């Protein structure tokens, strides 16, 4: 069998991995680990502790600052990225909510937008020219009624923030209320405004989503039912579902929850990670219709693949939370998963080339 050529690797890439740290999470992580990445070898540069559960990270567009939410807590941190890739704390701010789980920078870079999972709110925090955080500018409490799942749906639980390709609004999957919110951010003032709310199946728990490049379609991971939902998207932030598929094989009977979702840069494939099943499933996308087909399951190379992303050269990377590994999945299904790094309880990866 002729094997496809390996993609050309680019030296000098850096990655930062956020890790859970607390006993309550049965975690083994120490904080944020910085790596230098060459081929399939990741060399640790720094392990930065000092704050619990840096569970989601985002990097400023120029790469000069990195931001982290502290899961199960109530704060967000700003770090300066040093020339060698290490991090130095700039400051930390309260996010006026509990268990922040996701954050993004606005397109202007002036605002950090944070989703507070436990208290059902989204906040904006000002970003100074030196990367420091200036404090909460606005807070919006998300509307909706809790879903039927007694443990996982006790109120509004926003789990992700995704800027629509038009730049006019932000999508917020709400796992607790089984809805997807659309909120607008005024870049001049930092104020938020609720635009729309789309309901999905009760008890399904929308967790994360990905947009097509043109913004006409979205695919949503339904965490609690292990499904992916395909929807047409309107300009004003409404979602009209037209397809729902399972993310695990029909023969699978074990407990599972969906987690991460990625659309590949070509727009022809979608990837979803399954924590209980320990897999990453690839769906083919019909770019004309947004429909999904031809699922292919890959072993995630570890247990509880909470997070997936693309490496700078286009391979899927998996953060396996319970086996303390970062794994690379080659596009060639005949190549087994490759462990590129080990770090305790990894739950997020960001890159700087």
C-alpha atoms as a PDB file:
ATOM      1  CA  UNK A   1       0.000   0.000   0.000  1.00  0.00           C
ATOM      2  CA  UNK A   2       1.379   3.407  -0.950  1.00  0.00           C
ATOM      3  CA  UNK A   3       1.384   5.771   2.011  1.00  0.00           C
ATOM      4  CA  UNK A   4       0.661   9.474   1.486  1.00  0.00           C
ATOM      5  CA  UNK A   5       3.597  11.782   2.133  1.00  0.00           C
ATOM      6  CA  UNK A   6       3.819  13.261   5.595  1.00  0.00           C
ATOM      7  CA  UNK A   7       3.026  17.001   5.678  1.00  0.00           C
ATOM      8  CA  UNK A   8       5.989  19.328   5.833  1.00  0.00           C
ATOM      9  CA  UNK A   9       6.664  20.245   9.449  1.00  0.00           C
ATOM     10  CA  UNK A  10       7.593  23.760  10.400  1.00  0.00           C
ATOM     11  CA  UNK A  11      10.160  24.212  13.162  1.00  0.00           C
ATOM     12  CA  UNK A  12       9.784  26.705  15.945  1.00  0.00           C
ATOM     13  CA  UNK A  13       6.093  26.266  16.724  1.00  0.00           C
ATOM     14  CA  UNK A  14       4.995  26.836  20.301  1.00  0.00           C
ATOM     15  CA  UNK A  15       1.994  25.509  22.145  1.00  0.00           C
ATOM     16  CA  UNK A  16       0.427  26.206  25.507  1.00  0.00           C
ATOM     17  CA  UNK A  17      -1.678  23.568  27.218  1.00  0.00           C
ATOM     18  CA  UNK A  18      -4.197  24.410  29.919  1.00  0.00           C
ATOM     19  CA  UNK A  19      -4.574  21.701  32.551  1.00  0.00           C
ATOM     20  CA  UNK A  20      -6.983  21.031  35.360  1.00  0.00           C
ATOM     21  CA  UNK A  21      -5.329  21.107  38.759  1.00  0.00           C
ATOM     22  CA  UNK A  22      -7.778  20.550  41.612  1.00  0.00           C
ATOM     23  CA  UNK A  23      -8.590  17.575  43.779  1.00  0.00           C
ATOM     24  CA  UNK A  24     -12.296  18.143  43.141  1.00  0.00           C
ATOM     25  CA  UNK A  25     -11.625  17.393  39.462  1.00  0.00           C
ATOM     26  CA  UNK A  26      -9.380  14.419  40.326  1.00  0.00           C
ATOM     27  CA  UNK A  27      -6.760  16.346  38.367  1.00  0.00           C
ATOM     28  CA  UNK A  28      -3.027  15.830  38.019  1.00  0.00           C
ATOM     29  CA  UNK A  29      -2.145  19.035  36.190  1.00  0.00           C
ATOM     30  CA  UNK A  30       0.105  21.797  37.502  1.00  0.00           C
ATOM     31  CA  UNK A  31      -1.229  24.772  35.504  1.00  0.00           C
ATOM     32  CA  UNK A  32      -0.281  25.962  32.015  1.00  0.00           C
ATOM     33  CA  UNK A  33       2.510  24.070  30.265  1.00  0.00           C
ATOM     34  CA  UNK A  34       4.418  25.819  27.470  1.00  0.00           C
ATOM     35  CA  UNK A  35       5.987  23.626  24.772  1.00  0.00           C
ATOM     36  CA  UNK A  36       8.369  24.018  21.867  1.00  0.00           C
ATOM     37  CA  UNK A  37       7.042  21.810  19.071  1.00  0.00           C
ATOM     38  CA  UNK A  38       9.139  20.184  16.359  1.00  0.00           C
ATOM     39  CA  UNK A  39       7.744  17.290  14.329  1.00  0.00           C
ATOM     40  CA  UNK A  40       6.248  14.823  16.817  1.00  0.00           C
ATOM     41  CA  UNK A  41       8.412  15.964  19.716  1.00  0.00           C
ATOM     42  CA  UNK A  42       7.080  18.566  22.124  1.00  0.00           C
ATOM     43  CA  UNK A  43       9.676  19.849  24.596  1.00  0.00           C
ATOM     44  CA  UNK A  44       8.426  21.535  27.789  1.00  0.00           C
ATOM     45  CA  UNK A  45       9.562  25.133  28.198  1.00  0.00           C
ATOM     46  CA  UNK A  46       7.702  26.057  31.376  1.00  0.00           C
ATOM     47  CA  UNK A  47       5.084  24.812  33.797  1.00  0.00           C
ATOM     48  CA  UNK A  48       3.276  27.818  35.233  1.00  0.00           C
ATOM     49  CA  UNK A  49       1.249  27.240  38.383  1.00  0.00           C
ATOM     50  CA  UNK A  50      -0.218  29.728  40.792  1.00  0.00           C
ATOM     51  CA  UNK A  51      -3.924  29.502  39.902  1.00  0.00           C
ATOM     52  CA  UNK A  52      -6.393  26.637  39.780  1.00  0.00           C
ATOM     53  CA  UNK A  53      -7.771  25.057  36.619  1.00  0.00           C
ATOM     54  CA  UNK A  54      -6.577  27.202  33.685  1.00  0.00           C
ATOM     55  CA  UNK A  55      -9.077  25.238  31.641  1.00  0.00           C
ATOM     56  CA  UNK A  56      -9.492  27.352  28.508  1.00  0.00           C
ATOM     57  CA  UNK A  57      -6.960  29.602  26.787  1.00  0.00           C
ATOM     58  CA  UNK A  58      -6.895  32.133  23.971  1.00  0.00           C
ATOM     59  CA  UNK A  59      -4.002  33.975  22.368  1.00  0.00           C
ATOM     60  CA  UNK A  60      -3.955  37.597  21.240  1.00  0.00           C
ATOM     61  CA  UNK A  61      -3.803  37.946  17.459  1.00  0.00           C
ATOM     62  CA  UNK A  62      -0.249  39.266  17.595  1.00  0.00           C
ATOM     63  CA  UNK A  63       0.838  36.520  19.967  1.00  0.00           C
ATOM     64  CA  UNK A  64       1.999  38.962  22.620  1.00  0.00           C
ATOM     65  CA  UNK A  65      -0.501  37.948  25.322  1.00  0.00           C
ATOM     66  CA  UNK A  66      -2.380  34.855  26.432  1.00  0.00           C
ATOM     67  CA  UNK A  67      -5.603  34.740  28.447  1.00  0.00           C
ATOM     68  CA  UNK A  68      -6.998  31.963  30.646  1.00  0.00           C
ATOM     69  CA  UNK A  69     -10.231  31.276  32.487  1.00  0.00           C
ATOM     70  CA  UNK A  70      -9.972  29.449  35.799  1.00  0.00           C
ATOM     71  CA  UNK A  71     -12.624  26.748  35.749  1.00  0.00           C
ATOM     72  CA  UNK A  72     -14.761  26.229  38.869  1.00  0.00           C
ATOM     73  CA  UNK A  73     -13.520  29.599  40.134  1.00  0.00           C
ATOM     74  CA  UNK A  74     -14.412  33.150  39.217  1.00  0.00           C
ATOM     75  CA  UNK A  75     -11.385  34.795  37.635  1.00  0.00           C
ATOM     76  CA  UNK A  76      -9.603  35.360  34.332  1.00  0.00           C
ATOM     77  CA  UNK A  77      -5.842  35.864  33.952  1.00  0.00           C
ATOM     78  CA  UNK A  78      -3.713  37.772  31.449  1.00  0.00           C
ATOM     79  CA  UNK A  79      -0.146  36.698  30.691  1.00  0.00           C
ATOM     80  CA  UNK A  80       2.621  38.300  28.675  1.00  0.00           C
ATOM     81  CA  UNK A  81       4.253  35.904  26.203  1.00  0.00           C
ATOM     82  CA  UNK A  82       8.016  36.182  26.561  1.00  0.00           C
ATOM     83  CA  UNK A  83      10.421  35.831  23.594  1.00  0.00           C
ATOM     84  CA  UNK A  84      11.276  32.273  24.664  1.00  0.00           C
ATOM     85  CA  UNK A  85       7.598  31.263  24.866  1.00  0.00           C
ATOM     86  CA  UNK A  86       7.325  31.349  28.639  1.00  0.00           C
ATOM     87  CA  UNK A  87       4.499  33.256  30.307  1.00  0.00           C
ATOM     88  CA  UNK A  88       4.570  36.058  32.866  1.00  0.00           C
ATOM     89  CA  UNK A  89       1.433  37.041  34.776  1.00  0.00           C
ATOM     90  CA  UNK A  90       0.192  40.528  33.917  1.00  0.00           C
ATOM     91  CA  UNK A  91      -2.898  40.601  36.112  1.00  0.00           C
ATOM     92  CA  UNK A  92      -6.037  38.763  37.110  1.00  0.00           C
ATOM     93  CA  UNK A  93      -9.628  39.998  37.132  1.00  0.00           C
ATOM     94  CA  UNK A  94     -12.901  38.813  38.597  1.00  0.00           C
ATOM     95  CA  UNK A  95     -15.412  37.738  35.928  1.00  0.00           C
ATOM     96  CA  UNK A  96     -18.530  38.327  38.060  1.00  0.00           C
ATOM     97  CA  UNK A  97     -19.678  34.749  37.757  1.00  0.00           C
ATOM     98  CA  UNK A  98     -18.774  31.171  38.648  1.00  0.00           C
ATOM     99  CA  UNK A  99     -16.992  28.542  36.609  1.00  0.00           C
ATOM    100  CA  UNK A 100     -15.884  30.495  33.527  1.00  0.00           C
ATOM    101  CA  UNK A 101     -15.445  27.867  30.803  1.00  0.00           C
ATOM    102  CA  UNK A 102     -14.716  29.721  27.572  1.00  0.00           C
ATOM    103  CA  UNK A 103     -13.315  33.020  26.357  1.00  0.00           C
ATOM    104  CA  UNK A 104     -12.605  34.824  23.096  1.00  0.00           C
ATOM    105  CA  UNK A 105     -11.118  38.134  22.067  1.00  0.00           C
ATOM    106  CA  UNK A 106     -13.321  40.474  20.069  1.00  0.00           C
ATOM    107  CA  UNK A 107     -12.202  41.195  16.522  1.00  0.00           C
ATOM    108  CA  UNK A 108     -10.753  44.555  17.560  1.00  0.00           C
ATOM    109  CA  UNK A 109      -8.861  42.924  20.432  1.00  0.00           C
ATOM    110  CA  UNK A 110     -10.261  45.530  22.826  1.00  0.00           C
ATOM    111  CA  UNK A 111     -12.584  43.146  24.666  1.00  0.00           C
ATOM    112  CA  UNK A 112     -12.323  39.725  26.220  1.00  0.00           C
ATOM    113  CA  UNK A 113     -15.679  37.929  26.188  1.00  0.00           C
ATOM    114  CA  UNK A 114     -16.175  35.243  28.856  1.00  0.00           C
ATOM    115  CA  UNK A 115     -18.876  32.589  29.363  1.00  0.00           C
ATOM    116  CA  UNK A 116     -19.722  31.896  33.026  1.00  0.00           C
ATOM    117  CA  UNK A 117     -21.064  28.343  33.015  1.00  0.00           C
ATOM    118  CA  UNK A 118     -22.424  27.980  36.545  1.00  0.00           C
ATOM    119  CA  UNK A 119     -24.141  31.365  36.766  1.00  0.00           C
ATOM    120  CA  UNK A 120     -25.502  31.566  33.209  1.00  0.00           C
ATOM    121  CA  UNK A 121     -23.936  34.824  32.077  1.00  0.00           C
ATOM    122  CA  UNK A 122     -21.634  36.341  29.479  1.00  0.00           C
ATOM    123  CA  UNK A 123     -19.348  39.256  30.347  1.00  0.00           C
ATOM    124  CA  UNK A 124     -17.030  41.627  28.533  1.00  0.00           C
ATOM    125  CA  UNK A 125     -13.713  42.632  30.082  1.00  0.00           C
ATOM    126  CA  UNK A 126     -11.601  45.476  28.744  1.00  0.00           C
ATOM    127  CA  UNK A 127      -8.123  44.776  27.353  1.00  0.00           C
ATOM    128  CA  UNK A 128      -5.475  47.481  27.760  1.00  0.00           C
ATOM    129  CA  UNK A 129      -2.762  48.221  25.200  1.00  0.00           C
ATOM    130  CA  UNK A 130      -0.205  46.282  27.238  1.00  0.00           C
ATOM    131  CA  UNK A 131      -2.513  43.240  27.409  1.00  0.00           C
ATOM    132  CA  UNK A 132      -3.699  43.760  30.970  1.00  0.00           C
ATOM    133  CA  UNK A 133      -7.361  43.336  31.841  1.00  0.00           C
ATOM    134  CA  UNK A 134      -9.205  46.418  33.073  1.00  0.00           C
ATOM    135  CA  UNK A 135     -12.258  44.783  34.644  1.00  0.00           C
ATOM    136  CA  UNK A 136     -15.790  43.824  33.651  1.00  0.00           C
ATOM    137  CA  UNK A 137     -17.489  46.300  31.305  1.00  0.00           C
ATOM    138  CA  UNK A 138     -20.830  44.540  30.849  1.00  0.00           C
ATOM    139  CA  UNK A 139     -22.703  41.419  31.955  1.00  0.00           C
ATOM    140  CA  UNK A 140     -25.717  39.809  30.323  1.00  0.00           C
ATOM    141  CA  UNK A 141     -27.731  37.074  32.034  1.00  0.00           C
ATOM    142  CA  UNK A 142     -28.943  34.537  29.511  1.00  0.00           C
ATOM    143  CA  UNK A 143     -32.684  33.785  29.324  1.00  0.00           C
ATOM    144  CA  UNK A 144     -34.217  30.332  29.116  1.00  0.00           C
ATOM    145  CA  UNK A 145     -35.713  27.484  31.131  1.00  0.00           C
ATOM    146  CA  UNK A 146     -33.539  24.611  32.396  1.00  0.00           C
ATOM    147  CA  UNK A 147     -33.704  21.324  30.500  1.00  0.00           C
ATOM    148  CA  UNK A 148     -34.916  18.010  31.968  1.00  0.00           C
ATOM    149  CA  UNK A 149     -31.516  16.604  33.012  1.00  0.00           C
ATOM    150  CA  UNK A 150     -31.485  17.047  36.794  1.00  0.00           C
ATOM    151  CA  UNK A 151     -27.721  17.099  37.268  1.00  0.00           C
ATOM    152  CA  UNK A 152     -26.446  18.711  34.067  1.00  0.00           C
ATOM    153  CA  UNK A 153     -29.227  21.242  33.456  1.00  0.00           C
ATOM    154  CA  UNK A 154     -29.836  23.145  36.680  1.00  0.00           C
ATOM    155  CA  UNK A 155     -29.946  26.507  34.927  1.00  0.00           C
ATOM    156  CA  UNK A 156     -28.380  28.355  32.022  1.00  0.00           C
ATOM    157  CA  UNK A 157     -24.941  26.881  31.276  1.00  0.00           C
ATOM    158  CA  UNK A 158     -23.225  28.708  28.382  1.00  0.00           C
ATOM    159  CA  UNK A 159     -20.342  26.548  27.215  1.00  0.00           C
ATOM    160  CA  UNK A 160     -18.750  28.349  24.257  1.00  0.00           C
ATOM    161  CA  UNK A 161     -18.528  31.661  22.385  1.00  0.00           C
ATOM    162  CA  UNK A 162     -18.118  31.707  18.589  1.00  0.00           C
ATOM    163  CA  UNK A 163     -18.051  34.847  16.457  1.00  0.00           C
ATOM    164  CA  UNK A 164     -20.226  34.421  13.364  1.00  0.00           C
ATOM    165  CA  UNK A 165     -18.180  34.830  10.139  1.00  0.00           C
ATOM    166  CA  UNK A 166     -20.086  38.052   9.409  1.00  0.00           C
ATOM    167  CA  UNK A 167     -18.660  39.512  12.622  1.00  0.00           C
ATOM    168  CA  UNK A 168     -22.071  40.882  13.595  1.00  0.00           C
ATOM    169  CA  UNK A 169     -22.894  38.545  16.474  1.00  0.00           C
ATOM    170  CA  UNK A 170     -21.628  35.794  18.758  1.00  0.00           C
ATOM    171  CA  UNK A 171     -23.184  32.329  19.065  1.00  0.00           C
ATOM    172  CA  UNK A 172     -23.486  30.902  22.586  1.00  0.00           C
ATOM    173  CA  UNK A 173     -24.487  27.227  22.936  1.00  0.00           C
ATOM    174  CA  UNK A 174     -26.337  26.879  26.264  1.00  0.00           C
ATOM    175  CA  UNK A 175     -26.060  23.333  27.549  1.00  0.00           C
ATOM    176  CA  UNK A 176     -28.335  24.003  30.523  1.00  0.00           C
ATOM    177  CA  UNK A 177     -31.358  25.424  28.689  1.00  0.00           C
ATOM    178  CA  UNK A 178     -31.084  23.499  25.393  1.00  0.00           C
ATOM    179  CA  UNK A 179     -30.824  26.679  23.338  1.00  0.00           C
ATOM    180  CA  UNK A 180     -28.342  28.575  21.189  1.00  0.00           C
ATOM    181  CA  UNK A 181     -28.168  32.287  21.912  1.00  0.00           C
ATOM    182  CA  UNK A 182     -27.052  35.033  19.557  1.00  0.00           C
ATOM    183  CA  UNK A 183     -25.619  38.121  21.244  1.00  0.00           C
ATOM    184  CA  UNK A 184     -24.194  41.295  19.744  1.00  0.00           C
ATOM    185  CA  UNK A 185     -21.116  43.108  21.023  1.00  0.00           C
ATOM    186  CA  UNK A 186     -20.699  46.839  20.478  1.00  0.00           C
ATOM    187  CA  UNK A 187     -16.959  47.167  19.833  1.00  0.00           C
ATOM    188  CA  UNK A 188     -16.954  50.867  20.745  1.00  0.00           C
ATOM    189  CA  UNK A 189     -18.573  50.504  24.164  1.00  0.00           C
ATOM    190  CA  UNK A 190     -18.107  46.835  25.092  1.00  0.00           C
ATOM    191  CA  UNK A 191     -21.840  46.493  25.751  1.00  0.00           C
ATOM    192  CA  UNK A 192     -23.723  43.277  24.981  1.00  0.00           C
ATOM    193  CA  UNK A 193     -27.224  42.810  23.566  1.00  0.00           C
ATOM    194  CA  UNK A 194     -29.262  39.604  23.309  1.00  0.00           C
ATOM    195  CA  UNK A 195     -30.513  39.120  19.732  1.00  0.00           C
ATOM    196  CA  UNK A 196     -32.077  35.686  19.382  1.00  0.00           C
ATOM    197  CA  UNK A 197     -32.545  32.298  21.015  1.00  0.00           C
ATOM    198  CA  UNK A 198     -33.053  29.008  19.147  1.00  0.00           C
ATOM    199  CA  UNK A 199     -34.332  25.918  20.966  1.00  0.00           C
ATOM    200  CA  UNK A 200     -32.967  22.437  20.286  1.00  0.00           C
ATOM    201  CA  UNK A 201     -34.254  19.068  21.527  1.00  0.00           C
ATOM    202  CA  UNK A 202     -34.964  18.971  25.287  1.00  0.00           C
ATOM    203  CA  UNK A 203     -32.198  17.237  27.221  1.00  0.00           C
ATOM    204  CA  UNK A 204     -29.723  17.314  24.323  1.00  0.00           C
ATOM    205  CA  UNK A 205     -27.292  19.826  25.872  1.00  0.00           C
ATOM    206  CA  UNK A 206     -25.732  21.915  23.064  1.00  0.00           C
ATOM    207  CA  UNK A 207     -22.080  22.304  24.003  1.00  0.00           C
ATOM    208  CA  UNK A 208     -19.899  23.554  21.127  1.00  0.00           C
ATOM    209  CA  UNK A 209     -20.456  24.513  17.495  1.00  0.00           C
ATOM    210  CA  UNK A 210     -18.592  25.312  14.299  1.00  0.00           C
ATOM    211  CA  UNK A 211     -19.661  27.578  11.427  1.00  0.00           C
ATOM    212  CA  UNK A 212     -19.067  27.093   7.729  1.00  0.00           C
ATOM    213  CA  UNK A 213     -16.720  29.716   6.302  1.00  0.00           C
ATOM    214  CA  UNK A 214     -19.592  31.676   4.767  1.00  0.00           C
ATOM    215  CA  UNK A 215     -21.681  31.427   7.934  1.00  0.00           C
ATOM    216  CA  UNK A 216     -24.666  29.804   6.201  1.00  0.00           C
ATOM    217  CA  UNK A 217     -24.372  26.544   8.137  1.00  0.00           C
ATOM    218  CA  UNK A 218     -23.494  25.483  11.655  1.00  0.00           C
ATOM    219  CA  UNK A 219     -22.868  22.100  13.239  1.00  0.00           C
ATOM    220  CA  UNK A 220     -23.592  21.756  16.943  1.00  0.00           C
ATOM    221  CA  UNK A 221     -22.367  19.073  19.355  1.00  0.00           C
ATOM    222  CA  UNK A 222     -25.250  17.869  21.524  1.00  0.00           C
ATOM    223  CA  UNK A 223     -23.260  16.700  24.528  1.00  0.00           C
ATOM    224  CA  UNK A 224     -25.923  14.819  26.468  1.00  0.00           C
ATOM    225  CA  UNK A 225     -27.309  12.793  23.543  1.00  0.00           C
ATOM    226  CA  UNK A 226     -24.005  12.184  21.689  1.00  0.00           C
ATOM    227  CA  UNK A 227     -25.262  13.761  18.491  1.00  0.00           C
ATOM    228  CA  UNK A 228     -24.274  16.452  16.016  1.00  0.00           C
ATOM    229  CA  UNK A 229     -26.926  18.813  14.688  1.00  0.00           C
ATOM    230  CA  UNK A 230     -26.658  20.504  11.285  1.00  0.00           C
ATOM    231  CA  UNK A 231     -28.481  23.817  10.900  1.00  0.00           C
ATOM    232  CA  UNK A 232     -28.975  26.656   8.465  1.00  0.00           C
ATOM    233  CA  UNK A 233     -28.100  30.010   9.995  1.00  0.00           C
ATOM    234  CA  UNK A 234     -29.866  33.308   9.372  1.00  0.00           C
ATOM    235  CA  UNK A 235     -28.190  36.703   9.332  1.00  0.00           C
ATOM    236  CA  UNK A 236     -29.922  37.656  12.579  1.00  0.00           C
ATOM    237  CA  UNK A 237     -28.704  34.658  14.561  1.00  0.00           C
ATOM    238  CA  UNK A 238     -31.403  32.014  14.224  1.00  0.00           C
ATOM    239  CA  UNK A 239     -30.604  28.330  13.640  1.00  0.00           C
ATOM    240  CA  UNK A 240     -32.864  26.055  11.571  1.00  0.00           C
ATOM    241  CA  UNK A 241     -31.961  22.395  12.071  1.00  0.00           C
ATOM    242  CA  UNK A 242     -32.196  19.997   9.131  1.00  0.00           C
ATOM    243  CA  UNK A 243     -30.103  16.962  10.133  1.00  0.00           C
ATOM    244  CA  UNK A 244     -29.137  15.132  13.322  1.00  0.00           C
ATOM    245  CA  UNK A 245     -26.644  12.273  13.457  1.00  0.00           C
ATOM    246  CA  UNK A 246     -25.125  10.184  16.219  1.00  0.00           C
ATOM    247  CA  UNK A 247     -21.448  10.777  17.003  1.00  0.00           C
ATOM    248  CA  UNK A 248     -20.854   7.178  18.139  1.00  0.00           C
ATOM    249  CA  UNK A 249     -21.373   3.904  16.248  1.00  0.00           C
ATOM    250  CA  UNK A 250     -24.896   2.469  16.342  1.00  0.00           C
ATOM    251  CA  UNK A 251     -23.545  -0.608  18.124  1.00  0.00           C
ATOM    252  CA  UNK A 252     -22.072   1.456  20.975  1.00  0.00           C
ATOM    253  CA  UNK A 253     -23.917   0.890  24.268  1.00  0.00           C
ATOM    254  CA  UNK A 254     -21.523   2.463  26.757  1.00  0.00           C
ATOM    255  CA  UNK A 255     -21.883   5.861  28.384  1.00  0.00           C
ATOM    256  CA  UNK A 256     -20.661   8.758  26.247  1.00  0.00           C
ATOM    257  CA  UNK A 257     -20.754  12.532  26.017  1.00  0.00           C
ATOM    258  CA  UNK A 258     -19.771  14.632  23.020  1.00  0.00           C
ATOM    259  CA  UNK A 259     -17.159  17.326  23.525  1.00  0.00           C
ATOM    260  CA  UNK A 260     -15.104  19.129  20.864  1.00  0.00           C
ATOM    261  CA  UNK A 261     -15.939  20.005  17.259  1.00  0.00           C
ATOM    262  CA  UNK A 262     -13.776  21.193  14.353  1.00  0.00           C
ATOM    263  CA  UNK A 263     -14.335  22.020  10.701  1.00  0.00           C
ATOM    264  CA  UNK A 264     -11.254  21.446   8.599  1.00  0.00           C
ATOM    265  CA  UNK A 265      -9.798  24.430   6.677  1.00  0.00           C
ATOM    266  CA  UNK A 266     -11.083  23.120   3.332  1.00  0.00           C
ATOM    267  CA  UNK A 267     -14.678  23.051   4.571  1.00  0.00           C
ATOM    268  CA  UNK A 268     -15.095  19.426   3.484  1.00  0.00           C
ATOM    269  CA  UNK A 269     -14.787  17.586   6.818  1.00  0.00           C
ATOM    270  CA  UNK A 270     -16.057  17.891  10.373  1.00  0.00           C
ATOM    271  CA  UNK A 271     -14.516  16.277  13.459  1.00  0.00           C
ATOM    272  CA  UNK A 272     -16.213  15.547  16.804  1.00  0.00           C
ATOM    273  CA  UNK A 273     -14.631  14.010  19.906  1.00  0.00           C
ATOM    274  CA  UNK A 274     -16.400  11.463  22.127  1.00  0.00           C
ATOM    275  CA  UNK A 275     -15.272  11.268  25.738  1.00  0.00           C
ATOM    276  CA  UNK A 276     -16.788   7.955  26.839  1.00  0.00           C
ATOM    277  CA  UNK A 277     -16.209   6.187  23.521  1.00  0.00           C
ATOM    278  CA  UNK A 278     -12.628   7.507  23.385  1.00  0.00           C
ATOM    279  CA  UNK A 279     -12.840   8.437  19.729  1.00  0.00           C
ATOM    280  CA  UNK A 280     -12.798  11.211  17.166  1.00  0.00           C
ATOM    281  CA  UNK A 281     -15.340  10.858  14.360  1.00  0.00           C
ATOM    282  CA  UNK A 282     -14.846  12.444  10.946  1.00  0.00           C
ATOM    283  CA  UNK A 283     -17.886  13.382   8.848  1.00  0.00           C
ATOM    284  CA  UNK A 284     -17.784  14.434   5.209  1.00  0.00           C
ATOM    285  CA  UNK A 285     -19.476  17.806   4.569  1.00  0.00           C
ATOM    286  CA  UNK A 286     -21.401  18.619   1.409  1.00  0.00           C
ATOM    287  CA  UNK A 287     -20.403  22.301   1.026  1.00  0.00           C
ATOM    288  CA  UNK A 288     -23.469  23.053  -1.092  1.00  0.00           C
ATOM    289  CA  UNK A 289     -26.021  21.762   1.414  1.00  0.00           C
ATOM    290  CA  UNK A 290     -24.187  21.495   4.745  1.00  0.00           C
ATOM    291  CA  UNK A 291     -25.244  17.854   5.073  1.00  0.00           C
ATOM    292  CA  UNK A 292     -22.983  15.373   6.856  1.00  0.00           C
ATOM    293  CA  UNK A 293     -22.250  11.817   5.744  1.00  0.00           C
ATOM    294  CA  UNK A 294     -19.722   8.960   5.773  1.00  0.00           C
ATOM    295  CA  UNK A 295     -18.688   8.892   9.451  1.00  0.00           C
ATOM    296  CA  UNK A 296     -15.281   7.356  10.153  1.00  0.00           C
ATOM    297  CA  UNK A 297     -14.220   6.746  13.761  1.00  0.00           C
ATOM    298  CA  UNK A 298     -10.621   7.022  14.954  1.00  0.00           C
ATOM    299  CA  UNK A 299      -9.197   5.929  18.280  1.00  0.00           C
ATOM    300  CA  UNK A 300      -8.371   9.077  20.249  1.00  0.00           C
ATOM    301  CA  UNK A 301      -5.235   7.443  21.617  1.00  0.00           C
ATOM    302  CA  UNK A 302      -6.309   7.942  25.223  1.00  0.00           C
ATOM    303  CA  UNK A 303      -9.222   8.329  27.602  1.00  0.00           C
ATOM    304  CA  UNK A 304     -11.643  11.271  27.777  1.00  0.00           C
ATOM    305  CA  UNK A 305     -10.669  13.317  24.688  1.00  0.00           C
ATOM    306  CA  UNK A 306     -12.121  16.557  26.019  1.00  0.00           C
ATOM    307  CA  UNK A 307     -10.522  18.917  23.495  1.00  0.00           C
ATOM    308  CA  UNK A 308      -9.522  18.760  19.831  1.00  0.00           C
ATOM    309  CA  UNK A 309      -7.818  21.289  17.592  1.00  0.00           C
ATOM    310  CA  UNK A 310      -5.712  21.443  14.448  1.00  0.00           C
ATOM    311  CA  UNK A 311      -1.948  21.619  14.514  1.00  0.00           C
ATOM    312  CA  UNK A 312      -0.459  24.373  12.331  1.00  0.00           C
ATOM    313  CA  UNK A 313       0.235  21.744   9.656  1.00  0.00           C
ATOM    314  CA  UNK A 314      -3.347  20.453   9.640  1.00  0.00           C
ATOM    315  CA  UNK A 315      -3.358  17.274  11.722  1.00  0.00           C
ATOM    316  CA  UNK A 316      -5.956  16.771  14.447  1.00  0.00           C
ATOM    317  CA  UNK A 317      -4.564  17.070  17.969  1.00  0.00           C
ATOM    318  CA  UNK A 318      -6.402  15.561  20.922  1.00  0.00           C
ATOM    319  CA  UNK A 319      -6.106  16.467  24.609  1.00  0.00           C
ATOM    320  CA  UNK A 320      -6.879  13.250  26.486  1.00  0.00           C
ATOM    321  CA  UNK A 321      -7.776  14.459  29.957  1.00  0.00           C
ATOM    322  CA  UNK A 322      -7.718  11.155  31.838  1.00  0.00           C
ATOM    323  CA  UNK A 323      -4.527   9.715  30.323  1.00  0.00           C
ATOM    324  CA  UNK A 324      -2.493  12.949  30.494  1.00  0.00           C
ATOM    325  CA  UNK A 325      -1.534  12.945  26.819  1.00  0.00           C
ATOM    326  CA  UNK A 326      -1.566  15.138  23.735  1.00  0.00           C
ATOM    327  CA  UNK A 327      -2.054  12.926  20.682  1.00  0.00           C
ATOM    328  CA  UNK A 328      -1.621  13.616  16.968  1.00  0.00           C
ATOM    329  CA  UNK A 329      -3.977  11.928  14.491  1.00  0.00           C
ATOM    330  CA  UNK A 330      -2.528  11.635  11.006  1.00  0.00           C
ATOM    331  CA  UNK A 331      -4.858  12.132   8.007  1.00  0.00           C
ATOM    332  CA  UNK A 332      -3.923   8.575   7.046  1.00  0.00           C
ATOM    333  CA  UNK A 333      -6.192   6.229   9.018  1.00  0.00           C
ATOM    334  CA  UNK A 334      -3.570   3.459   8.826  1.00  0.00           C
ATOM    335  CA  UNK A 335      -1.161   5.454  10.998  1.00  0.00           C
ATOM    336  CA  UNK A 336      -1.948   4.928  14.707  1.00  0.00           C
ATOM    337  CA  UNK A 337      -2.286   7.861  17.110  1.00  0.00           C
ATOM    338  CA  UNK A 338       1.052   9.395  18.077  1.00  0.00           C
ATOM    339  CA  UNK A 339       1.637  10.738  21.585  1.00  0.00           C
ATOM    340  CA  UNK A 340       3.503  14.029  21.165  1.00  0.00           C
ATOM    341  CA  UNK A 341       3.427  15.253  24.775  1.00  0.00           C
ATOM    342  CA  UNK A 342       2.526  14.244  28.298  1.00  0.00           C
ATOM    343  CA  UNK A 343       1.111  16.649  30.862  1.00  0.00           C
ATOM    344  CA  UNK A 344      -1.377  16.206  33.678  1.00  0.00           C
ATOM    345  CA  UNK A 345      -5.115  16.532  32.895  1.00  0.00           C
ATOM    346  CA  UNK A 346      -4.839  18.534  29.627  1.00  0.00           C
ATOM    347  CA  UNK A 347      -8.059  20.265  28.531  1.00  0.00           C
ATOM    348  CA  UNK A 348      -7.049  22.989  26.027  1.00  0.00           C
ATOM    349  CA  UNK A 349      -4.294  23.686  23.463  1.00  0.00           C
ATOM    350  CA  UNK A 350      -3.385  26.925  21.685  1.00  0.00           C
ATOM    351  CA  UNK A 351      -0.606  27.501  19.148  1.00  0.00           C
ATOM    352  CA  UNK A 352       1.756  30.259  18.098  1.00  0.00           C
ATOM    353  CA  UNK A 353       3.795  29.679  14.938  1.00  0.00           C
END
